[in-house]
Amino acid sequence: MGFTVETRTVDGRTTALGAAGHFTLVVDRPAKDGGGGLGFNGGQLLYLAVAGCVSNDLFREAAAAGITLERVHVRVHGDFTGDPAVSAPIQYEVELSGDAPADRLRELVDHVDAIAEIPNSLRGGTRVHLSAVTVTT
């Protein structure tokens, strides 16, 4: 399965709508950095991708193991440093509850940590490259 996502600015502002199929969210720069401060910035989206992937994978893998999860809370910490800025190491924490013993839930988290697509893509240094530019005047 392939993915395509896009952003389109709104009314000549820094604010953009991010879309993936029929799902949308607001992307923007913080007001202190010249943006409208109306949505997620890129760094937040990167860290949210980690949290979302881990959460989704916990539910998928729990179901496959016959475990029903009642609550999942994933908290991701990170920052950007340098010039140009790049992400410092990313850390995440998981809190969860479900209908399995604590040791099985911890094993589930360890399993997901080993297989989660977004964290593994970052750990492996997925290549990102610019493939086209179109300029209109």
N, C-alpha and C. Protein backbone atom coordinates (compact mmCIF):
# COMPACT_ATOMS: atom_id res chain seq x y z
N MET A 1 0.84 -1.17 0.00
CA MET A 1 0.00 0.00 0.00
C MET A 1 0.89 1.24 0.00
N GLY A 2 0.59 2.18 -0.85
CA GLY A 2 1.35 3.42 -0.90
C GLY A 2 0.58 4.55 -0.24
N PHE A 3 1.29 5.57 0.12
CA PHE A 3 0.68 6.74 0.76
C PHE A 3 1.06 7.99 -0.01
N THR A 4 0.13 8.90 -0.13
CA THR A 4 0.40 10.23 -0.64
C THR A 4 -0.28 11.21 0.31
N VAL A 5 0.46 12.18 0.77
CA VAL A 5 -0.09 13.25 1.59
C VAL A 5 0.31 14.57 0.95
N GLU A 6 -0.40 15.63 1.30
CA GLU A 6 -0.05 16.93 0.73
C GLU A 6 -0.46 18.04 1.67
N THR A 7 0.16 19.19 1.47
CA THR A 7 -0.26 20.41 2.16
C THR A 7 -0.54 21.47 1.10
N ARG A 8 -1.52 22.31 1.38
CA ARG A 8 -1.85 23.44 0.51
C ARG A 8 -2.10 24.65 1.41
N THR A 9 -1.38 25.74 1.13
CA THR A 9 -1.56 26.93 1.94
C THR A 9 -2.95 27.53 1.71
N VAL A 10 -3.40 28.27 2.72
CA VAL A 10 -4.73 28.86 2.70
C VAL A 10 -4.61 30.37 2.57
N ASP A 11 -5.19 30.93 1.52
CA ASP A 11 -5.27 32.38 1.33
C ASP A 11 -3.92 33.09 1.43
N GLY A 12 -2.87 32.51 0.87
CA GLY A 12 -1.56 33.16 0.86
C GLY A 12 -0.90 33.30 2.21
N ARG A 13 -1.33 32.52 3.17
CA ARG A 13 -0.78 32.57 4.53
C ARG A 13 0.16 31.39 4.75
N THR A 14 0.81 31.40 5.90
CA THR A 14 1.65 30.26 6.25
C THR A 14 0.81 29.06 6.64
N THR A 15 -0.42 29.30 7.03
CA THR A 15 -1.34 28.23 7.42
C THR A 15 -1.65 27.35 6.22
N ALA A 16 -1.60 26.05 6.42
CA ALA A 16 -1.90 25.11 5.34
C ALA A 16 -2.81 24.01 5.85
N LEU A 17 -3.54 23.42 4.94
CA LEU A 17 -4.30 22.22 5.27
C LEU A 17 -3.48 21.03 4.80
N GLY A 18 -3.26 20.11 5.71
CA GLY A 18 -2.61 18.86 5.36
C GLY A 18 -3.69 17.84 5.08
N ALA A 19 -3.49 17.05 4.04
CA ALA A 19 -4.51 16.07 3.68
C ALA A 19 -3.89 14.73 3.33
N ALA A 20 -4.60 13.69 3.71
CA ALA A 20 -4.30 12.32 3.32
C ALA A 20 -5.64 11.69 3.03
N GLY A 21 -5.98 11.59 1.75
CA GLY A 21 -7.32 11.12 1.40
C GLY A 21 -8.34 12.11 1.91
N HIS A 22 -9.33 11.64 2.64
CA HIS A 22 -10.36 12.53 3.15
C HIS A 22 -10.09 13.03 4.57
N PHE A 23 -8.90 12.78 5.11
CA PHE A 23 -8.52 13.26 6.43
C PHE A 23 -7.73 14.55 6.30
N THR A 24 -7.98 15.51 7.18
CA THR A 24 -7.25 16.78 7.13
C THR A 24 -6.81 17.20 8.52
N LEU A 25 -5.81 18.06 8.54
CA LEU A 25 -5.38 18.73 9.76
C LEU A 25 -4.75 20.06 9.35
N VAL A 26 -4.54 20.93 10.33
CA VAL A 26 -3.98 22.25 10.07
C VAL A 26 -2.50 22.24 10.40
N VAL A 27 -1.71 22.78 9.46
CA VAL A 27 -0.26 22.88 9.60
C VAL A 27 0.10 24.37 9.59
N ASP A 28 0.98 24.79 10.47
CA ASP A 28 1.36 26.21 10.52
C ASP A 28 2.67 26.36 11.28
N ARG A 29 3.20 27.54 11.22
CA ARG A 29 4.38 27.89 12.02
C ARG A 29 3.88 28.58 13.28
N PRO A 30 4.64 28.49 14.36
CA PRO A 30 4.25 29.24 15.55
C PRO A 30 4.21 30.74 15.25
N ALA A 31 3.34 31.46 15.93
CA ALA A 31 3.22 32.91 15.71
C ALA A 31 4.56 33.62 15.97
N LYS A 32 5.29 33.17 16.98
CA LYS A 32 6.57 33.81 17.29
C LYS A 32 7.61 33.63 16.19
N ASP A 33 7.38 32.68 15.28
CA ASP A 33 8.29 32.43 14.17
C ASP A 33 7.72 32.90 12.84
N GLY A 34 6.71 33.78 12.90
CA GLY A 34 6.17 34.35 11.67
C GLY A 34 4.96 33.64 11.10
N GLY A 35 4.46 32.65 11.80
CA GLY A 35 3.28 31.93 11.31
C GLY A 35 2.02 32.43 11.98
N GLY A 36 0.95 31.75 11.68
CA GLY A 36 -0.32 32.10 12.28
C GLY A 36 -0.57 31.41 13.60
N GLY A 37 0.23 30.38 13.90
CA GLY A 37 0.07 29.65 15.15
C GLY A 37 -1.25 28.89 15.23
N LEU A 38 -1.76 28.48 14.06
CA LEU A 38 -3.08 27.86 14.01
C LEU A 38 -3.07 26.34 13.91
N GLY A 39 -1.90 25.73 13.84
CA GLY A 39 -1.87 24.28 13.69
C GLY A 39 -0.53 23.70 14.10
N PHE A 40 -0.39 22.42 13.82
CA PHE A 40 0.85 21.69 14.12
C PHE A 40 1.98 22.23 13.27
N ASN A 41 3.19 22.29 13.85
CA ASN A 41 4.36 22.57 13.02
C ASN A 41 4.97 21.23 12.60
N GLY A 42 5.96 21.28 11.74
CA GLY A 42 6.54 20.06 11.20
C GLY A 42 7.13 19.14 12.25
N GLY A 43 7.83 19.72 13.22
CA GLY A 43 8.41 18.90 14.28
C GLY A 43 7.35 18.18 15.08
N GLN A 44 6.27 18.88 15.40
CA GLN A 44 5.18 18.25 16.13
C GLN A 44 4.58 17.11 15.31
N LEU A 45 4.46 17.32 14.00
CA LEU A 45 3.90 16.27 13.15
C LEU A 45 4.81 15.05 13.10
N LEU A 46 6.14 15.28 13.08
CA LEU A 46 7.06 14.15 13.09
C LEU A 46 6.88 13.33 14.37
N TYR A 47 6.84 14.01 15.51
CA TYR A 47 6.71 13.31 16.77
C TYR A 47 5.31 12.70 16.92
N LEU A 48 4.29 13.38 16.38
CA LEU A 48 2.95 12.82 16.39
C LEU A 48 2.88 11.56 15.53
N ALA A 49 3.65 11.52 14.44
CA ALA A 49 3.69 10.31 13.61
C ALA A 49 4.22 9.13 14.41
N VAL A 50 5.22 9.37 15.25
CA VAL A 50 5.74 8.31 16.11
C VAL A 50 4.65 7.84 17.07
N ALA A 51 4.00 8.80 17.74
CA ALA A 51 2.96 8.45 18.71
C ALA A 51 1.80 7.73 18.05
N GLY A 52 1.35 8.23 16.91
CA GLY A 52 0.23 7.61 16.22
C GLY A 52 0.55 6.21 15.75
N CYS A 53 1.74 6.01 15.23
CA CYS A 53 2.15 4.69 14.76
C CYS A 53 2.20 3.70 15.92
N VAL A 54 2.81 4.08 17.01
CA VAL A 54 2.92 3.18 18.16
C VAL A 54 1.53 2.85 18.69
N SER A 55 0.67 3.86 18.83
CA SER A 55 -0.68 3.61 19.32
C SER A 55 -1.44 2.67 18.40
N ASN A 56 -1.44 2.95 17.10
CA ASN A 56 -2.14 2.09 16.15
C ASN A 56 -1.60 0.66 16.18
N ASP A 57 -0.28 0.53 16.22
CA ASP A 57 0.33 -0.80 16.22
C ASP A 57 0.03 -1.56 17.50
N LEU A 58 -0.07 -0.85 18.62
CA LEU A 58 -0.44 -1.52 19.87
C LEU A 58 -1.82 -2.16 19.75
N PHE A 59 -2.77 -1.42 19.18
CA PHE A 59 -4.11 -1.99 19.01
C PHE A 59 -4.11 -3.15 18.02
N ARG A 60 -3.38 -2.99 16.90
CA ARG A 60 -3.33 -4.07 15.90
C ARG A 60 -2.72 -5.33 16.48
N GLU A 61 -1.58 -5.20 17.14
CA GLU A 61 -0.88 -6.36 17.67
C GLU A 61 -1.60 -6.95 18.88
N ALA A 62 -2.26 -6.11 19.66
CA ALA A 62 -3.05 -6.63 20.78
C ALA A 62 -4.19 -7.50 20.26
N ALA A 63 -4.89 -7.02 19.25
CA ALA A 63 -6.00 -7.81 18.69
C ALA A 63 -5.49 -9.14 18.16
N ALA A 64 -4.34 -9.13 17.49
CA ALA A 64 -3.77 -10.37 16.96
C ALA A 64 -3.41 -11.34 18.07
N ALA A 65 -3.08 -10.81 19.25
CA ALA A 65 -2.70 -11.65 20.39
C ALA A 65 -3.90 -11.98 21.29
N GLY A 66 -5.09 -11.54 20.90
CA GLY A 66 -6.27 -11.82 21.71
C GLY A 66 -6.39 -10.94 22.94
N ILE A 67 -5.76 -9.78 22.91
CA ILE A 67 -5.80 -8.85 24.05
C ILE A 67 -6.69 -7.67 23.66
N THR A 68 -7.55 -7.26 24.58
CA THR A 68 -8.36 -6.07 24.38
C THR A 68 -7.73 -4.94 25.19
N LEU A 69 -7.33 -3.88 24.50
CA LEU A 69 -6.79 -2.71 25.18
C LEU A 69 -7.92 -1.77 25.54
N GLU A 70 -7.85 -1.24 26.75
CA GLU A 70 -8.87 -0.31 27.22
C GLU A 70 -8.42 1.13 27.07
N ARG A 71 -7.12 1.37 27.22
CA ARG A 71 -6.59 2.73 27.16
C ARG A 71 -5.14 2.66 26.74
N VAL A 72 -4.77 3.56 25.83
CA VAL A 72 -3.38 3.69 25.39
C VAL A 72 -3.04 5.17 25.38
N HIS A 73 -1.94 5.52 26.02
CA HIS A 73 -1.44 6.90 26.04
C HIS A 73 0.03 6.84 25.65
N VAL A 74 0.36 7.47 24.52
CA VAL A 74 1.75 7.53 24.06
C VAL A 74 2.19 8.98 24.11
N ARG A 75 3.29 9.24 24.79
CA ARG A 75 3.84 10.59 24.92
C ARG A 75 5.24 10.58 24.30
N VAL A 76 5.47 11.51 23.36
CA VAL A 76 6.74 11.58 22.63
C VAL A 76 7.45 12.87 23.00
N HIS A 77 8.76 12.78 23.24
CA HIS A 77 9.57 13.94 23.59
C HIS A 77 10.70 14.09 22.56
N GLY A 78 10.97 15.31 22.18
CA GLY A 78 12.08 15.56 21.28
C GLY A 78 12.31 17.04 21.12
N ASP A 79 13.32 17.39 20.37
CA ASP A 79 13.65 18.78 20.08
C ASP A 79 14.48 18.80 18.81
N PHE A 80 14.69 19.97 18.30
CA PHE A 80 15.51 20.15 17.11
C PHE A 80 16.68 21.05 17.46
N THR A 81 17.88 20.66 16.99
CA THR A 81 19.07 21.44 17.27
C THR A 81 19.91 21.54 16.01
N GLY A 82 20.86 22.49 16.02
CA GLY A 82 21.81 22.62 14.93
C GLY A 82 21.35 23.57 13.85
N ASP A 83 22.22 23.74 12.86
CA ASP A 83 21.94 24.61 11.72
C ASP A 83 22.49 23.95 10.47
N PRO A 84 21.68 23.33 9.64
CA PRO A 84 20.23 23.29 9.73
C PRO A 84 19.77 22.38 10.87
N ALA A 85 18.61 22.72 11.41
CA ALA A 85 18.09 21.97 12.55
C ALA A 85 17.68 20.56 12.15
N VAL A 86 18.06 19.61 12.98
CA VAL A 86 17.62 18.22 12.82
C VAL A 86 17.13 17.73 14.19
N SER A 87 16.35 16.69 14.16
CA SER A 87 15.81 16.17 15.41
C SER A 87 16.91 15.58 16.27
N ALA A 88 16.85 15.94 17.53
CA ALA A 88 17.67 15.25 18.53
C ALA A 88 17.04 13.87 18.72
N PRO A 89 17.69 12.98 19.46
CA PRO A 89 17.07 11.67 19.71
C PRO A 89 15.65 11.83 20.26
N ILE A 90 14.78 10.96 19.79
CA ILE A 90 13.37 10.98 20.18
C ILE A 90 13.15 9.92 21.24
N GLN A 91 12.43 10.30 22.28
CA GLN A 91 12.07 9.35 23.34
C GLN A 91 10.55 9.27 23.40
N TYR A 92 10.04 8.09 23.72
CA TYR A 92 8.60 7.99 23.94
C TYR A 92 8.29 7.09 25.12
N GLU A 93 7.12 7.35 25.69
CA GLU A 93 6.63 6.61 26.84
C GLU A 93 5.25 6.06 26.50
N VAL A 94 4.94 4.90 27.03
CA VAL A 94 3.63 4.28 26.80
C VAL A 94 2.99 3.95 28.14
N GLU A 95 1.73 4.34 28.28
CA GLU A 95 0.89 3.91 29.40
C GLU A 95 -0.28 3.18 28.77
N LEU A 96 -0.62 2.01 29.27
CA LEU A 96 -1.74 1.28 28.71
C LEU A 96 -2.39 0.40 29.75
N SER A 97 -3.63 0.05 29.47
CA SER A 97 -4.33 -0.92 30.28
C SER A 97 -5.15 -1.81 29.36
N GLY A 98 -5.35 -3.04 29.80
CA GLY A 98 -6.10 -3.99 28.99
C GLY A 98 -6.45 -5.21 29.80
N ASP A 99 -7.02 -6.20 29.12
CA ASP A 99 -7.51 -7.39 29.81
C ASP A 99 -6.47 -8.51 29.90
N ALA A 100 -5.21 -8.15 29.90
CA ALA A 100 -4.14 -9.15 30.02
C ALA A 100 -3.29 -8.80 31.24
N PRO A 101 -2.55 -9.79 31.75
CA PRO A 101 -1.64 -9.51 32.88
C PRO A 101 -0.58 -8.48 32.49
N ALA A 102 -0.04 -7.79 33.48
CA ALA A 102 0.95 -6.73 33.25
C ALA A 102 2.14 -7.22 32.44
N ASP A 103 2.63 -8.44 32.69
CA ASP A 103 3.79 -8.91 31.95
C ASP A 103 3.47 -9.09 30.46
N ARG A 104 2.26 -9.54 30.12
CA ARG A 104 1.87 -9.66 28.70
C ARG A 104 1.74 -8.29 28.05
N LEU A 105 1.24 -7.31 28.80
CA LEU A 105 1.13 -5.96 28.24
C LEU A 105 2.51 -5.36 28.01
N ARG A 106 3.44 -5.60 28.92
CA ARG A 106 4.82 -5.12 28.71
C ARG A 106 5.46 -5.81 27.51
N GLU A 107 5.21 -7.11 27.34
CA GLU A 107 5.71 -7.82 26.16
C GLU A 107 5.11 -7.25 24.88
N LEU A 108 3.85 -6.90 24.92
CA LEU A 108 3.20 -6.28 23.77
C LEU A 108 3.89 -4.97 23.40
N VAL A 109 4.18 -4.14 24.39
CA VAL A 109 4.85 -2.87 24.14
C VAL A 109 6.25 -3.12 23.56
N ASP A 110 6.99 -4.05 24.11
CA ASP A 110 8.32 -4.38 23.58
C ASP A 110 8.24 -4.87 22.14
N HIS A 111 7.25 -5.70 21.85
CA HIS A 111 7.05 -6.20 20.49
C HIS A 111 6.78 -5.06 19.53
N VAL A 112 5.86 -4.17 19.91
CA VAL A 112 5.52 -3.04 19.04
C VAL A 112 6.73 -2.12 18.88
N ASP A 113 7.49 -1.90 19.92
CA ASP A 113 8.70 -1.07 19.80
C ASP A 113 9.65 -1.65 18.75
N ALA A 114 9.69 -2.96 18.63
CA ALA A 114 10.59 -3.61 17.67
C ALA A 114 10.07 -3.57 16.24
N ILE A 115 8.74 -3.46 16.06
CA ILE A 115 8.19 -3.58 14.71
C ILE A 115 7.51 -2.31 14.18
N ALA A 116 7.30 -1.30 14.99
CA ALA A 116 6.55 -0.11 14.57
C ALA A 116 7.24 0.58 13.39
N GLU A 117 6.46 0.84 12.36
CA GLU A 117 7.00 1.30 11.08
C GLU A 117 7.67 2.68 11.15
N ILE A 118 7.03 3.64 11.80
CA ILE A 118 7.60 4.99 11.83
C ILE A 118 8.88 5.02 12.68
N PRO A 119 8.87 4.52 13.92
CA PRO A 119 10.13 4.50 14.65
C PRO A 119 11.23 3.75 13.90
N ASN A 120 10.89 2.62 13.27
CA ASN A 120 11.92 1.87 12.55
C ASN A 120 12.41 2.62 11.31
N SER A 121 11.54 3.38 10.67
CA SER A 121 11.97 4.19 9.53
C SER A 121 12.97 5.24 9.98
N LEU A 122 12.68 5.89 11.12
CA LEU A 122 13.60 6.89 11.64
C LEU A 122 14.91 6.24 12.10
N ARG A 123 14.81 5.12 12.78
CA ARG A 123 16.01 4.42 13.25
C ARG A 123 16.89 3.99 12.09
N GLY A 124 16.26 3.62 10.99
CA GLY A 124 17.02 3.16 9.83
C GLY A 124 17.48 4.26 8.90
N GLY A 125 17.08 5.50 9.17
CA GLY A 125 17.53 6.61 8.34
C GLY A 125 16.92 6.61 6.94
N THR A 126 15.59 6.48 6.87
CA THR A 126 14.91 6.49 5.57
C THR A 126 15.34 7.69 4.74
N ARG A 127 15.69 7.43 3.49
CA ARG A 127 16.13 8.49 2.57
C ARG A 127 14.92 9.34 2.18
N VAL A 128 15.10 10.64 2.15
CA VAL A 128 14.08 11.60 1.70
C VAL A 128 14.73 12.45 0.62
N HIS A 129 14.07 12.57 -0.53
CA HIS A 129 14.65 13.40 -1.58
C HIS A 129 13.58 14.19 -2.32
N LEU A 130 13.96 15.35 -2.80
CA LEU A 130 13.09 16.21 -3.60
C LEU A 130 13.04 15.65 -5.00
N SER A 131 11.84 15.37 -5.52
CA SER A 131 11.74 14.74 -6.84
C SER A 131 11.26 15.68 -7.92
N ALA A 132 10.64 16.81 -7.58
CA ALA A 132 10.17 17.74 -8.61
C ALA A 132 9.91 19.10 -8.00
N VAL A 133 10.05 20.13 -8.82
CA VAL A 133 9.71 21.51 -8.43
C VAL A 133 8.98 22.14 -9.61
N THR A 134 7.85 22.79 -9.34
CA THR A 134 7.13 23.53 -10.36
C THR A 134 6.98 24.95 -9.84
N VAL A 135 7.46 25.92 -10.61
CA VAL A 135 7.38 27.33 -10.21
C VAL A 135 6.45 28.04 -11.17
N THR A 136 5.47 28.77 -10.62
CA THR A 136 4.59 29.58 -11.45
C THR A 136 4.77 31.05 -11.07
N THR A 137 4.63 31.92 -12.05
CA THR A 137 4.76 33.35 -11.76
C THR A 137 3.54 34.09 -12.22
